[in-house]
Amino acid sequence: MTSPSEFPGSRAPQAPQASAVTPAPGAREAAGAAAGRSPGQLMWRRFRRDRTGVAAACVVLFFFAVGLLAPVISGLYGKDPYTRYGQVQDGLLNEFGYPIAPNGGISGEFWFGIEPILGRDVFTQLLYGIRTSLLVAVAVTLLATLTAIVLGVAAGYLGGRTDFLIGRTIDLLMAFPNQLFFVAFMPIVVALFVADTDETPTWVRAVAMVLVLWFLGWMSLARILRGTVLSLREREFVEAARVSGASPWRIIRRELLPNVVTPILVQSTLMLPNVVTAAAGLSFLGVGFIEPTPDWGRMFATGAQVFENDFTYMFFPGGAMVLFIVAFNLLGDSVRDAFDPRARY
């Protein structure tokens, strides 16, 4: 049989060759840039693309800036939260103690009106109330987060009796009715600092509120961290570090803590607004901050007494708290989504 190559001018069939597709220069640069980013850079990239999260972060930063600059804003405004303007100036309050001007006395002189009965400026009270609430909330959040990290990671990594003891303590404390515990123990904690609770300094009440709210505020995060560390300690990289002779502290610091940053940040952003609400509730019930300390909870208590005759006074602290809590919750959701490795970037 004659092969095709024996015929003149004939060619043997060639095997098809795969054509190499050269990626465009822009695609190569984008792929190289994505591969060269650190996890923090990827998180920041995802967060910036979340418009809701960015807007919530701006609102939260605005509240913190107002709280820090409250004395400066008050000085520029020309009023303070302690002077009873309605009682020292004629024509501001009627014979029943309510503002004469409509809408709670809102005017060019008093931007948010004046407080019924006492006649203090609502705008400066709101400024200093933000400052008071945020100081307590930040202190409680930091203490509770540190406590949860230490006890939760220790319980998850060490296991055994340590895990049993810390786990049962968490279960016991989580069984406490928080609000009743706060109301019952606030006077006791205050009495530990001073004998006369009728003239308790503001700093004593602030320290007492921080201690009470911290005592029952760390368990949820500690339980989450314990469960996360229990699953991480059996992973290959932890076993490799243990076999190489690394100390437990080095394993916790270098291997475990970087892998629990996400739940710590997410739970902390959700914890802070809850602390703000709890602190306001204590002041509302009369066991937190008292007169003349500006505080959101105390403003709610006053607003509840004058609600039928002056709705405007309740509007400003209520609106500020709702805006702050919603913004912080949205920020927590956005931070969680940004840290999610399965999210597209």
C-alpha atoms as a PDB file:
ATOM      1  CA  MET A   1       0.000   0.000   0.000  1.00  0.00           C
ATOM      2  CA  THR A   2       1.333   3.351  -0.966  1.00  0.00           C
ATOM      3  CA  SER A   3       1.609   5.916   1.833  1.00  0.00           C
ATOM      4  CA  PRO A   4       0.482   9.491   1.209  1.00  0.00           C
ATOM      5  CA  SER A   5       4.078  10.654   1.474  1.00  0.00           C
ATOM      6  CA  GLU A   6       5.007   8.733  -1.683  1.00  0.00           C
ATOM      7  CA  PHE A   7       2.841  10.889  -3.889  1.00  0.00           C
ATOM      8  CA  PRO A   8       4.555  13.991  -5.155  1.00  0.00           C
ATOM      9  CA  GLY A   9       3.262  17.186  -3.677  1.00  0.00           C
ATOM     10  CA  SER A  10       1.363  15.405  -0.933  1.00  0.00           C
ATOM     11  CA  ARG A  11       1.772  16.293   2.766  1.00  0.00           C
ATOM     12  CA  ALA A  12       1.234  14.203   5.786  1.00  0.00           C
ATOM     13  CA  PRO A  13      -1.567  15.375   8.048  1.00  0.00           C
ATOM     14  CA  GLN A  14      -0.314  17.548  10.877  1.00  0.00           C
ATOM     15  CA  ALA A  15      -1.594  17.243  14.462  1.00  0.00           C
ATOM     16  CA  PRO A  16      -3.501  20.349  15.517  1.00  0.00           C
ATOM     17  CA  GLN A  17      -1.473  22.561  17.851  1.00  0.00           C
ATOM     18  CA  ALA A  18      -3.042  24.335  20.800  1.00  0.00           C
ATOM     19  CA  SER A  19      -2.887  28.037  20.320  1.00  0.00           C
ATOM     20  CA  ALA A  20      -1.531  29.882  23.335  1.00  0.00           C
ATOM     21  CA  VAL A  21      -3.828  32.686  24.466  1.00  0.00           C
ATOM     22  CA  THR A  22      -1.839  35.587  25.691  1.00  0.00           C
ATOM     23  CA  PRO A  23      -3.692  37.514  28.410  1.00  0.00           C
ATOM     24  CA  ALA A  24      -4.105  41.192  27.939  1.00  0.00           C
ATOM     25  CA  PRO A  25      -1.625  43.399  29.795  1.00  0.00           C
ATOM     26  CA  GLY A  26      -4.421  44.885  31.925  1.00  0.00           C
ATOM     27  CA  ALA A  27      -5.638  41.452  32.981  1.00  0.00           C
ATOM     28  CA  ARG A  28      -2.115  40.386  33.951  1.00  0.00           C
ATOM     29  CA  GLU A  29      -1.669  43.517  36.056  1.00  0.00           C
ATOM     30  CA  ALA A  30      -5.027  43.049  37.769  1.00  0.00           C
ATOM     31  CA  ALA A  31      -4.283  39.384  38.545  1.00  0.00           C
ATOM     32  CA  GLY A  32      -0.832  40.260  39.855  1.00  0.00           C
ATOM     33  CA  ALA A  33      -2.229  43.070  41.997  1.00  0.00           C
ATOM     34  CA  ALA A  34      -4.913  40.789  43.485  1.00  0.00           C
ATOM     35  CA  ALA A  35      -2.339  38.098  44.237  1.00  0.00           C
ATOM     36  CA  GLY A  36       0.001  40.600  45.864  1.00  0.00           C
ATOM     37  CA  ARG A  37      -2.525  42.093  48.273  1.00  0.00           C
ATOM     38  CA  SER A  38      -2.487  41.193  51.953  1.00  0.00           C
ATOM     39  CA  PRO A  39      -5.680  39.999  53.711  1.00  0.00           C
ATOM     40  CA  GLY A  40      -6.035  43.428  55.303  1.00  0.00           C
ATOM     41  CA  GLN A  41      -5.853  45.128  51.914  1.00  0.00           C
ATOM     42  CA  LEU A  42      -8.442  42.760  50.488  1.00  0.00           C
ATOM     43  CA  MET A  43     -10.722  43.441  53.462  1.00  0.00           C
ATOM     44  CA  TRP A  44     -10.350  47.190  53.004  1.00  0.00           C
ATOM     45  CA  ARG A  45     -11.082  46.826  49.268  1.00  0.00           C
ATOM     46  CA  ARG A  46     -14.293  44.918  49.954  1.00  0.00           C
ATOM     47  CA  PHE A  47     -15.335  47.346  52.668  1.00  0.00           C
ATOM     48  CA  ARG A  48     -14.858  50.403  50.436  1.00  0.00           C
ATOM     49  CA  ARG A  49     -17.178  48.894  47.863  1.00  0.00           C
ATOM     50  CA  ASP A  50     -19.964  48.575  50.455  1.00  0.00           C
ATOM     51  CA  ARG A  51     -21.699  51.956  50.312  1.00  0.00           C
ATOM     52  CA  THR A  52     -23.902  51.173  53.289  1.00  0.00           C
ATOM     53  CA  GLY A  53     -20.904  50.291  55.417  1.00  0.00           C
ATOM     54  CA  VAL A  54     -18.993  53.404  54.378  1.00  0.00           C
ATOM     55  CA  ALA A  55     -22.001  55.614  55.167  1.00  0.00           C
ATOM     56  CA  ALA A  56     -22.441  53.899  58.556  1.00  0.00           C
ATOM     57  CA  ALA A  57     -18.736  54.382  59.323  1.00  0.00           C
ATOM     58  CA  CYS A  58     -19.049  58.102  58.533  1.00  0.00           C
ATOM     59  CA  VAL A  59     -22.010  58.414  60.907  1.00  0.00           C
ATOM     60  CA  VAL A  60     -20.129  56.573  63.671  1.00  0.00           C
ATOM     61  CA  LEU A  61     -17.042  58.750  63.193  1.00  0.00           C
ATOM     62  CA  PHE A  62     -19.262  61.828  63.318  1.00  0.00           C
ATOM     63  CA  PHE A  63     -20.669  60.784  66.711  1.00  0.00           C
ATOM     64  CA  PHE A  64     -17.206  60.129  68.092  1.00  0.00           C
ATOM     65  CA  ALA A  65     -15.954  63.491  66.780  1.00  0.00           C
ATOM     66  CA  VAL A  66     -18.902  65.277  68.368  1.00  0.00           C
ATOM     67  CA  GLY A  67     -18.268  63.522  71.673  1.00  0.00           C
ATOM     68  CA  LEU A  68     -14.569  64.418  71.694  1.00  0.00           C
ATOM     69  CA  LEU A  69     -15.169  68.024  70.594  1.00  0.00           C
ATOM     70  CA  ALA A  70     -18.198  68.652  72.825  1.00  0.00           C
ATOM     71  CA  PRO A  71     -16.419  71.330  74.942  1.00  0.00           C
ATOM     72  CA  VAL A  72     -15.158  73.071  71.794  1.00  0.00           C
ATOM     73  CA  ILE A  73     -18.579  73.028  70.128  1.00  0.00           C
ATOM     74  CA  SER A  74     -20.212  74.210  73.342  1.00  0.00           C
ATOM     75  CA  GLY A  75     -17.738  77.104  73.595  1.00  0.00           C
ATOM     76  CA  LEU A  76     -18.399  78.172  70.020  1.00  0.00           C
ATOM     77  CA  TYR A  77     -22.133  77.834  70.578  1.00  0.00           C
ATOM     78  CA  GLY A  78     -21.918  80.040  73.650  1.00  0.00           C
ATOM     79  CA  LYS A  79     -23.846  77.879  76.115  1.00  0.00           C
ATOM     80  CA  ASP A  80     -23.276  75.004  78.526  1.00  0.00           C
ATOM     81  CA  PRO A  81     -25.447  72.077  79.666  1.00  0.00           C
ATOM     82  CA  TYR A  82     -25.665  73.159  83.309  1.00  0.00           C
ATOM     83  CA  THR A  83     -26.984  76.734  83.290  1.00  0.00           C
ATOM     84  CA  ARG A  84     -30.750  77.002  83.774  1.00  0.00           C
ATOM     85  CA  TYR A  85     -31.438  79.569  81.090  1.00  0.00           C
ATOM     86  CA  GLY A  86     -35.206  79.261  81.412  1.00  0.00           C
ATOM     87  CA  GLN A  87     -35.063  80.309  85.061  1.00  0.00           C
ATOM     88  CA  VAL A  88     -32.576  83.176  84.701  1.00  0.00           C
ATOM     89  CA  GLN A  89     -34.068  84.698  81.544  1.00  0.00           C
ATOM     90  CA  ASP A  90     -37.633  85.980  81.373  1.00  0.00           C
ATOM     91  CA  GLY A  91     -39.932  84.903  78.573  1.00  0.00           C
ATOM     92  CA  LEU A  92     -38.579  81.413  78.026  1.00  0.00           C
ATOM     93  CA  LEU A  93     -40.796  79.280  80.317  1.00  0.00           C
ATOM     94  CA  ASN A  94     -44.455  79.711  81.195  1.00  0.00           C
ATOM     95  CA  GLU A  95     -45.938  79.397  84.682  1.00  0.00           C
ATOM     96  CA  PHE A  96     -46.065  75.592  84.311  1.00  0.00           C
ATOM     97  CA  GLY A  97     -42.381  75.332  83.412  1.00  0.00           C
ATOM     98  CA  TYR A  98     -42.796  74.572  79.695  1.00  0.00           C
ATOM     99  CA  PRO A  99     -41.223  76.551  76.851  1.00  0.00           C
ATOM    100  CA  ILE A 100     -43.317  79.459  75.653  1.00  0.00           C
ATOM    101  CA  ALA A 101     -41.953  79.354  72.093  1.00  0.00           C
ATOM    102  CA  PRO A 102     -43.348  76.599  69.831  1.00  0.00           C
ATOM    103  CA  ASN A 103     -41.564  73.300  69.185  1.00  0.00           C
ATOM    104  CA  GLY A 104     -39.980  73.133  72.603  1.00  0.00           C
ATOM    105  CA  GLY A 105     -38.488  76.633  72.419  1.00  0.00           C
ATOM    106  CA  ILE A 106     -36.422  76.065  69.249  1.00  0.00           C
ATOM    107  CA  SER A 107     -34.997  79.362  68.036  1.00  0.00           C
ATOM    108  CA  GLY A 108     -31.846  80.934  66.706  1.00  0.00           C
ATOM    109  CA  GLU A 109     -30.588  81.229  70.281  1.00  0.00           C
ATOM    110  CA  PHE A 110     -31.530  77.691  71.369  1.00  0.00           C
ATOM    111  CA  TRP A 111     -31.064  75.414  68.370  1.00  0.00           C
ATOM    112  CA  PHE A 112     -32.760  72.335  69.866  1.00  0.00           C
ATOM    113  CA  GLY A 113     -34.952  74.188  72.350  1.00  0.00           C
ATOM    114  CA  ILE A 114     -34.789  74.268  76.123  1.00  0.00           C
ATOM    115  CA  GLU A 115     -35.489  71.663  78.752  1.00  0.00           C
ATOM    116  CA  PRO A 116     -38.895  71.871  80.470  1.00  0.00           C
ATOM    117  CA  ILE A 117     -39.008  72.780  84.152  1.00  0.00           C
ATOM    118  CA  LEU A 118     -35.259  73.495  84.539  1.00  0.00           C
ATOM    119  CA  GLY A 119     -34.785  75.424  81.292  1.00  0.00           C
ATOM    120  CA  ARG A 120     -31.360  74.086  80.284  1.00  0.00           C
ATOM    121  CA  ASP A 121     -30.128  74.105  76.698  1.00  0.00           C
ATOM    122  CA  VAL A 122     -31.009  70.849  74.909  1.00  0.00           C
ATOM    123  CA  PHE A 123     -28.284  71.096  72.251  1.00  0.00           C
ATOM    124  CA  THR A 124     -25.385  71.196  74.714  1.00  0.00           C
ATOM    125  CA  GLN A 125     -27.014  68.505  76.863  1.00  0.00           C
ATOM    126  CA  LEU A 126     -27.150  66.265  73.808  1.00  0.00           C
ATOM    127  CA  LEU A 127     -23.488  66.979  72.991  1.00  0.00           C
ATOM    128  CA  TYR A 128     -22.274  66.107  76.474  1.00  0.00           C
ATOM    129  CA  GLY A 129     -24.700  63.163  76.647  1.00  0.00           C
ATOM    130  CA  ILE A 130     -23.011  61.664  73.581  1.00  0.00           C
ATOM    131  CA  ARG A 131     -19.658  62.169  75.262  1.00  0.00           C
ATOM    132  CA  THR A 132     -20.789  60.472  78.488  1.00  0.00           C
ATOM    133  CA  SER A 133     -22.388  57.485  76.773  1.00  0.00           C
ATOM    134  CA  LEU A 134     -19.443  56.854  74.450  1.00  0.00           C
ATOM    135  CA  LEU A 135     -16.863  57.049  77.237  1.00  0.00           C
ATOM    136  CA  VAL A 136     -18.689  54.383  79.245  1.00  0.00           C
ATOM    137  CA  ALA A 137     -19.394  52.225  76.177  1.00  0.00           C
ATOM    138  CA  VAL A 138     -15.806  52.300  74.884  1.00  0.00           C
ATOM    139  CA  ALA A 139     -14.385  51.448  78.324  1.00  0.00           C
ATOM    140  CA  VAL A 140     -16.792  48.536  78.789  1.00  0.00           C
ATOM    141  CA  THR A 141     -16.211  47.223  75.257  1.00  0.00           C
ATOM    142  CA  LEU A 142     -12.427  47.268  75.648  1.00  0.00           C
ATOM    143  CA  LEU A 143     -12.500  45.518  79.035  1.00  0.00           C
ATOM    144  CA  ALA A 144     -15.059  42.937  77.930  1.00  0.00           C
ATOM    145  CA  THR A 145     -13.171  42.186  74.700  1.00  0.00           C
ATOM    146  CA  LEU A 146      -9.845  41.720  76.477  1.00  0.00           C
ATOM    147  CA  THR A 147     -11.450  39.471  79.097  1.00  0.00           C
ATOM    148  CA  ALA A 148     -13.170  37.405  76.406  1.00  0.00           C
ATOM    149  CA  ILE A 149      -9.919  37.008  74.441  1.00  0.00           C
ATOM    150  CA  VAL A 150      -7.937  35.841  77.471  1.00  0.00           C
ATOM    151  CA  LEU A 151     -10.521  33.429  78.873  1.00  0.00           C
ATOM    152  CA  GLY A 152     -12.020  32.227  75.587  1.00  0.00           C
ATOM    153  CA  VAL A 153      -8.685  31.468  73.914  1.00  0.00           C
ATOM    154  CA  ALA A 154      -7.299  29.885  77.089  1.00  0.00           C
ATOM    155  CA  ALA A 155     -10.347  27.637  77.449  1.00  0.00           C
ATOM    156  CA  GLY A 156     -10.255  26.572  73.809  1.00  0.00           C
ATOM    157  CA  TYR A 157      -6.532  25.876  73.589  1.00  0.00           C
ATOM    158  CA  LEU A 158      -5.739  24.444  77.021  1.00  0.00           C
ATOM    159  CA  GLY A 159      -8.873  22.313  77.315  1.00  0.00           C
ATOM    160  CA  GLY A 160      -9.291  19.891  80.203  1.00  0.00           C
ATOM    161  CA  ARG A 161     -10.016  21.340  83.621  1.00  0.00           C
ATOM    162  CA  THR A 162      -9.330  24.886  82.427  1.00  0.00           C
ATOM    163  CA  ASP A 163     -11.955  24.573  79.713  1.00  0.00           C
ATOM    164  CA  PHE A 164     -14.429  22.997  82.152  1.00  0.00           C
ATOM    165  CA  LEU A 165     -13.963  25.715  84.774  1.00  0.00           C
ATOM    166  CA  ILE A 166     -14.186  28.633  82.340  1.00  0.00           C
ATOM    167  CA  GLY A 167     -17.071  27.046  80.440  1.00  0.00           C
ATOM    168  CA  ARG A 168     -19.153  26.499  83.570  1.00  0.00           C
ATOM    169  CA  THR A 169     -18.405  30.062  84.727  1.00  0.00           C
ATOM    170  CA  ILE A 170     -19.644  31.393  81.378  1.00  0.00           C
ATOM    171  CA  ASP A 171     -22.814  29.298  81.639  1.00  0.00           C
ATOM    172  CA  LEU A 172     -23.451  30.525  85.183  1.00  0.00           C
ATOM    173  CA  LEU A 173     -23.011  34.203  84.344  1.00  0.00           C
ATOM    174  CA  MET A 174     -25.107  33.959  81.182  1.00  0.00           C
ATOM    175  CA  ALA A 175     -27.973  32.613  83.296  1.00  0.00           C
ATOM    176  CA  PHE A 176     -28.125  35.884  85.253  1.00  0.00           C
ATOM    177  CA  PRO A 177     -30.970  38.268  84.328  1.00  0.00           C
ATOM    178  CA  ASN A 178     -28.853  41.195  83.147  1.00  0.00           C
ATOM    179  CA  GLN A 179     -31.222  44.103  83.676  1.00  0.00           C
ATOM    180  CA  LEU A 180     -32.265  42.995  87.163  1.00  0.00           C
ATOM    181  CA  PHE A 181     -28.632  42.385  88.076  1.00  0.00           C
ATOM    182  CA  PHE A 182     -27.654  45.867  86.878  1.00  0.00           C
ATOM    183  CA  VAL A 183     -30.418  47.564  88.846  1.00  0.00           C
ATOM    184  CA  ALA A 184     -29.752  45.527  92.009  1.00  0.00           C
ATOM    185  CA  PHE A 185     -25.967  45.770  92.103  1.00  0.00           C
ATOM    186  CA  MET A 186     -25.371  49.348  90.937  1.00  0.00           C
ATOM    187  CA  PRO A 187     -26.136  50.818  94.409  1.00  0.00           C
ATOM    188  CA  ILE A 188     -23.932  48.145  96.001  1.00  0.00           C
ATOM    189  CA  VAL A 189     -20.976  48.920  93.751  1.00  0.00           C
ATOM    190  CA  VAL A 190     -21.420  52.653  94.323  1.00  0.00           C
ATOM    191  CA  ALA A 191     -21.505  52.093  98.094  1.00  0.00           C
ATOM    192  CA  LEU A 192     -18.117  50.354  97.889  1.00  0.00           C
ATOM    193  CA  PHE A 193     -16.549  53.673  96.824  1.00  0.00           C
ATOM    194  CA  VAL A 194     -18.451  56.195  98.946  1.00  0.00           C
ATOM    195  CA  ALA A 195     -20.670  55.984 101.999  1.00  0.00           C
ATOM    196  CA  ASP A 196     -23.091  58.760 101.006  1.00  0.00           C
ATOM    197  CA  THR A 197     -24.849  57.659  97.803  1.00  0.00           C
ATOM    198  CA  ASP A 198     -26.896  60.881  97.641  1.00  0.00           C
ATOM    199  CA  GLU A 199     -23.795  62.936  96.793  1.00  0.00           C
ATOM    200  CA  THR A 200     -21.856  60.415  94.756  1.00  0.00           C
ATOM    201  CA  PRO A 201     -19.247  61.979  92.447  1.00  0.00           C
ATOM    202  CA  THR A 202     -19.820  61.463  88.750  1.00  0.00           C
ATOM    203  CA  TRP A 203     -16.585  59.530  88.289  1.00  0.00           C
ATOM    204  CA  VAL A 204     -17.649  57.022  90.951  1.00  0.00           C
ATOM    205  CA  ARG A 205     -20.920  56.332  89.149  1.00  0.00           C
ATOM    206  CA  ALA A 206     -19.044  56.054  85.855  1.00  0.00           C
ATOM    207  CA  VAL A 207     -16.599  53.494  87.313  1.00  0.00           C
ATOM    208  CA  ALA A 208     -19.463  51.565  88.903  1.00  0.00           C
ATOM    209  CA  MET A 209     -21.370  51.431  85.611  1.00  0.00           C
ATOM    210  CA  VAL A 210     -18.266  50.243  83.762  1.00  0.00           C
ATOM    211  CA  LEU A 211     -17.648  47.468  86.313  1.00  0.00           C
ATOM    212  CA  VAL A 212     -21.247  46.273  86.356  1.00  0.00           C
ATOM    213  CA  LEU A 213     -21.655  46.306  82.570  1.00  0.00           C
ATOM    214  CA  TRP A 214     -18.266  44.635  82.065  1.00  0.00           C
ATOM    215  CA  PHE A 215     -18.997  41.879  84.573  1.00  0.00           C
ATOM    216  CA  LEU A 216     -21.854  40.515  82.478  1.00  0.00           C
ATOM    217  CA  GLY A 217     -20.704  41.682  79.049  1.00  0.00           C
ATOM    218  CA  TRP A 218     -17.838  39.401  78.029  1.00  0.00           C
ATOM    219  CA  MET A 219     -19.382  35.910  78.001  1.00  0.00           C
ATOM    220  CA  SER A 220     -20.883  35.822  74.503  1.00  0.00           C
ATOM    221  CA  LEU A 221     -17.611  36.736  72.788  1.00  0.00           C
ATOM    222  CA  ALA A 222     -15.662  34.366  75.044  1.00  0.00           C
ATOM    223  CA  ARG A 223     -17.917  31.475  74.059  1.00  0.00           C
ATOM    224  CA  ILE A 224     -17.487  32.270  70.353  1.00  0.00           C
ATOM    225  CA  LEU A 225     -13.698  32.437  70.702  1.00  0.00           C
ATOM    226  CA  ARG A 226     -13.613  29.193  72.684  1.00  0.00           C
ATOM    227  CA  GLY A 227     -15.471  27.343  69.937  1.00  0.00           C
ATOM    228  CA  THR A 228     -13.294  28.840  67.212  1.00  0.00           C
ATOM    229  CA  VAL A 229     -10.052  27.953  69.002  1.00  0.00           C
ATOM    230  CA  LEU A 230     -11.299  24.412  69.682  1.00  0.00           C
ATOM    231  CA  SER A 231     -11.579  23.878  65.940  1.00  0.00           C
ATOM    232  CA  LEU A 232      -8.277  25.614  65.158  1.00  0.00           C
ATOM    233  CA  ARG A 233      -6.096  23.757  67.639  1.00  0.00           C
ATOM    234  CA  GLU A 234      -6.512  20.505  65.698  1.00  0.00           C
ATOM    235  CA  ARG A 235      -5.443  22.047  62.403  1.00  0.00           C
ATOM    236  CA  GLU A 236      -2.198  21.094  60.686  1.00  0.00           C
ATOM    237  CA  PHE A 237      -0.416  24.420  61.162  1.00  0.00           C
ATOM    238  CA  VAL A 238      -0.993  24.320  64.930  1.00  0.00           C
ATOM    239  CA  GLU A 239       0.229  20.726  65.108  1.00  0.00           C
ATOM    240  CA  ALA A 240       3.301  21.690  63.071  1.00  0.00           C
ATOM    241  CA  ALA A 241       4.066  24.551  65.436  1.00  0.00           C
ATOM    242  CA  ARG A 242       3.640  22.263  68.440  1.00  0.00           C
ATOM    243  CA  VAL A 243       5.923  19.576  66.966  1.00  0.00           C
ATOM    244  CA  SER A 244       8.578  22.192  66.154  1.00  0.00           C
ATOM    245  CA  GLY A 245       8.814  22.987  69.876  1.00  0.00           C
ATOM    246  CA  ALA A 246       6.962  26.300  69.950  1.00  0.00           C
ATOM    247  CA  SER A 247       5.715  27.337  73.381  1.00  0.00           C
ATOM    248  CA  PRO A 248       1.948  27.570  74.058  1.00  0.00           C
ATOM    249  CA  TRP A 249       2.191  31.361  74.293  1.00  0.00           C
ATOM    250  CA  ARG A 250       3.907  31.521  70.889  1.00  0.00           C
ATOM    251  CA  ILE A 251       1.297  29.248  69.336  1.00  0.00           C
ATOM    252  CA  ILE A 252      -1.519  31.372  70.733  1.00  0.00           C
ATOM    253  CA  ARG A 253       0.131  34.633  69.687  1.00  0.00           C
ATOM    254  CA  ARG A 254       1.382  33.625  66.230  1.00  0.00           C
ATOM    255  CA  GLU A 255      -1.073  30.951  65.104  1.00  0.00           C
ATOM    256  CA  LEU A 256      -4.399  31.314  66.893  1.00  0.00           C
ATOM    257  CA  LEU A 257      -4.957  35.025  67.540  1.00  0.00           C
ATOM    258  CA  PRO A 258      -4.528  36.090  63.878  1.00  0.00           C
ATOM    259  CA  ASN A 259      -7.269  33.606  62.956  1.00  0.00           C
ATOM    260  CA  VAL A 260      -9.824  34.976  65.443  1.00  0.00           C
ATOM    261  CA  VAL A 261      -9.527  38.646  64.488  1.00  0.00           C
ATOM    262  CA  THR A 262     -12.741  38.517  62.460  1.00  0.00           C
ATOM    263  CA  PRO A 263     -15.119  37.436  65.280  1.00  0.00           C
ATOM    264  CA  ILE A 264     -13.392  39.835  67.669  1.00  0.00           C
ATOM    265  CA  LEU A 265     -13.924  42.852  65.419  1.00  0.00           C
ATOM    266  CA  VAL A 266     -17.458  41.905  64.424  1.00  0.00           C
ATOM    267  CA  GLN A 267     -18.639  41.165  67.954  1.00  0.00           C
ATOM    268  CA  SER A 268     -16.963  44.310  69.324  1.00  0.00           C
ATOM    269  CA  THR A 269     -18.764  46.520  66.825  1.00  0.00           C
ATOM    270  CA  LEU A 270     -22.037  44.895  67.846  1.00  0.00           C
ATOM    271  CA  MET A 271     -21.238  45.037  71.569  1.00  0.00           C
ATOM    272  CA  LEU A 272     -20.647  48.790  71.801  1.00  0.00           C
ATOM    273  CA  PRO A 273     -24.188  49.938  70.825  1.00  0.00           C
ATOM    274  CA  ASN A 274     -25.638  47.358  73.205  1.00  0.00           C
ATOM    275  CA  VAL A 275     -23.571  48.868  76.009  1.00  0.00           C
ATOM    276  CA  VAL A 276     -24.798  52.360  75.076  1.00  0.00           C
ATOM    277  CA  THR A 277     -28.390  51.118  75.341  1.00  0.00           C
ATOM    278  CA  ALA A 278     -27.740  49.368  78.666  1.00  0.00           C
ATOM    279  CA  ALA A 279     -26.060  52.437  80.159  1.00  0.00           C
ATOM    280  CA  ALA A 280     -28.951  54.634  79.046  1.00  0.00           C
ATOM    281  CA  GLY A 281     -31.363  52.157  80.607  1.00  0.00           C
ATOM    282  CA  LEU A 282     -29.580  52.351  83.956  1.00  0.00           C
ATOM    283  CA  SER A 283     -29.740  56.138  83.942  1.00  0.00           C
ATOM    284  CA  PHE A 284     -33.392  56.018  82.896  1.00  0.00           C
ATOM    285  CA  LEU A 285     -34.166  53.814  85.911  1.00  0.00           C
ATOM    286  CA  GLY A 286     -32.299  56.185  88.228  1.00  0.00           C
ATOM    287  CA  VAL A 287     -29.353  53.933  89.119  1.00  0.00           C
ATOM    288  CA  GLY A 288     -26.915  55.288  86.537  1.00  0.00           C
ATOM    289  CA  PHE A 289     -25.916  58.903  86.058  1.00  0.00           C
ATOM    290  CA  ILE A 290     -28.000  61.421  87.960  1.00  0.00           C
ATOM    291  CA  GLU A 291     -28.452  65.180  87.893  1.00  0.00           C
ATOM    292  CA  PRO A 292     -26.785  67.314  86.755  1.00  0.00           C
ATOM    293  CA  THR A 293     -24.652  64.964  84.597  1.00  0.00           C
ATOM    294  CA  PRO A 294     -25.792  65.143  80.939  1.00  0.00           C
ATOM    295  CA  ASP A 295     -26.720  61.666  79.756  1.00  0.00           C
ATOM    296  CA  TRP A 296     -29.037  60.156  77.154  1.00  0.00           C
ATOM    297  CA  GLY A 297     -30.797  57.936  79.682  1.00  0.00           C
ATOM    298  CA  ARG A 298     -31.466  60.836  82.032  1.00  0.00           C
ATOM    299  CA  MET A 299     -32.814  62.872  79.089  1.00  0.00           C
ATOM    300  CA  PHE A 300     -35.166  59.974  78.268  1.00  0.00           C
ATOM    301  CA  ALA A 301     -36.379  59.946  81.871  1.00  0.00           C
ATOM    302  CA  THR A 302     -37.139  63.671  81.709  1.00  0.00           C
ATOM    303  CA  GLY A 303     -38.745  63.300  78.293  1.00  0.00           C
ATOM    304  CA  ALA A 304     -41.049  60.540  79.589  1.00  0.00           C
ATOM    305  CA  GLN A 305     -42.331  62.921  82.275  1.00  0.00           C
ATOM    306  CA  VAL A 306     -43.048  65.831  79.900  1.00  0.00           C
ATOM    307  CA  PHE A 307     -43.947  63.833  76.786  1.00  0.00           C
ATOM    308  CA  GLU A 308     -47.591  64.888  76.659  1.00  0.00           C
ATOM    309  CA  ASN A 309     -46.808  68.611  76.826  1.00  0.00           C
ATOM    310  CA  ASP A 310     -43.433  68.777  75.049  1.00  0.00           C
ATOM    311  CA  PHE A 311     -42.818  66.042  72.502  1.00  0.00           C
ATOM    312  CA  THR A 312     -39.849  67.876  70.969  1.00  0.00           C
ATOM    313  CA  TYR A 313     -37.603  67.301  73.985  1.00  0.00           C
ATOM    314  CA  MET A 314     -37.801  63.504  73.548  1.00  0.00           C
ATOM    315  CA  PHE A 315     -37.259  63.722  69.791  1.00  0.00           C
ATOM    316  CA  PHE A 316     -33.601  64.781  69.806  1.00  0.00           C
ATOM    317  CA  PRO A 317     -32.063  62.225  72.219  1.00  0.00           C
ATOM    318  CA  GLY A 318     -34.305  59.483  70.829  1.00  0.00           C
ATOM    319  CA  GLY A 319     -33.378  60.259  67.235  1.00  0.00           C
ATOM    320  CA  ALA A 320     -29.669  60.476  68.084  1.00  0.00           C
ATOM    321  CA  MET A 321     -29.671  57.098  69.834  1.00  0.00           C
ATOM    322  CA  VAL A 322     -31.613  55.351  67.056  1.00  0.00           C
ATOM    323  CA  LEU A 323     -29.273  56.786  64.409  1.00  0.00           C
ATOM    324  CA  PHE A 324     -26.173  55.775  66.378  1.00  0.00           C
ATOM    325  CA  ILE A 325     -27.315  52.210  67.092  1.00  0.00           C
ATOM    326  CA  VAL A 326     -28.504  51.571  63.526  1.00  0.00           C
ATOM    327  CA  ALA A 327     -25.246  52.957  62.092  1.00  0.00           C
ATOM    328  CA  PHE A 328     -23.110  50.810  64.396  1.00  0.00           C
ATOM    329  CA  ASN A 329     -25.101  47.658  63.616  1.00  0.00           C
ATOM    330  CA  LEU A 330     -24.773  48.311  59.880  1.00  0.00           C
ATOM    331  CA  LEU A 331     -21.055  48.897  60.374  1.00  0.00           C
ATOM    332  CA  GLY A 332     -20.736  45.557  62.156  1.00  0.00           C
ATOM    333  CA  ASP A 333     -22.508  43.763  59.300  1.00  0.00           C
ATOM    334  CA  SER A 334     -20.249  45.452  56.752  1.00  0.00           C
ATOM    335  CA  VAL A 335     -17.103  44.531  58.682  1.00  0.00           C
ATOM    336  CA  ARG A 336     -18.263  40.917  58.853  1.00  0.00           C
ATOM    337  CA  ASP A 337     -18.916  40.840  55.087  1.00  0.00           C
ATOM    338  CA  ALA A 338     -15.562  42.483  54.367  1.00  0.00           C
ATOM    339  CA  PHE A 339     -13.701  39.830  56.360  1.00  0.00           C
ATOM    340  CA  ASP A 340     -15.583  36.988  54.677  1.00  0.00           C
ATOM    341  CA  PRO A 341     -13.010  35.254  52.425  1.00  0.00           C
ATOM    342  CA  ARG A 342     -15.770  33.892  50.210  1.00  0.00           C
ATOM    343  CA  ALA A 343     -16.885  37.402  49.230  1.00  0.00           C
ATOM    344  CA  ARG A 344     -16.033  38.520  45.728  1.00  0.00           C
ATOM    345  CA  TYR A 345     -13.546  41.309  45.344  1.00  0.00           C
END
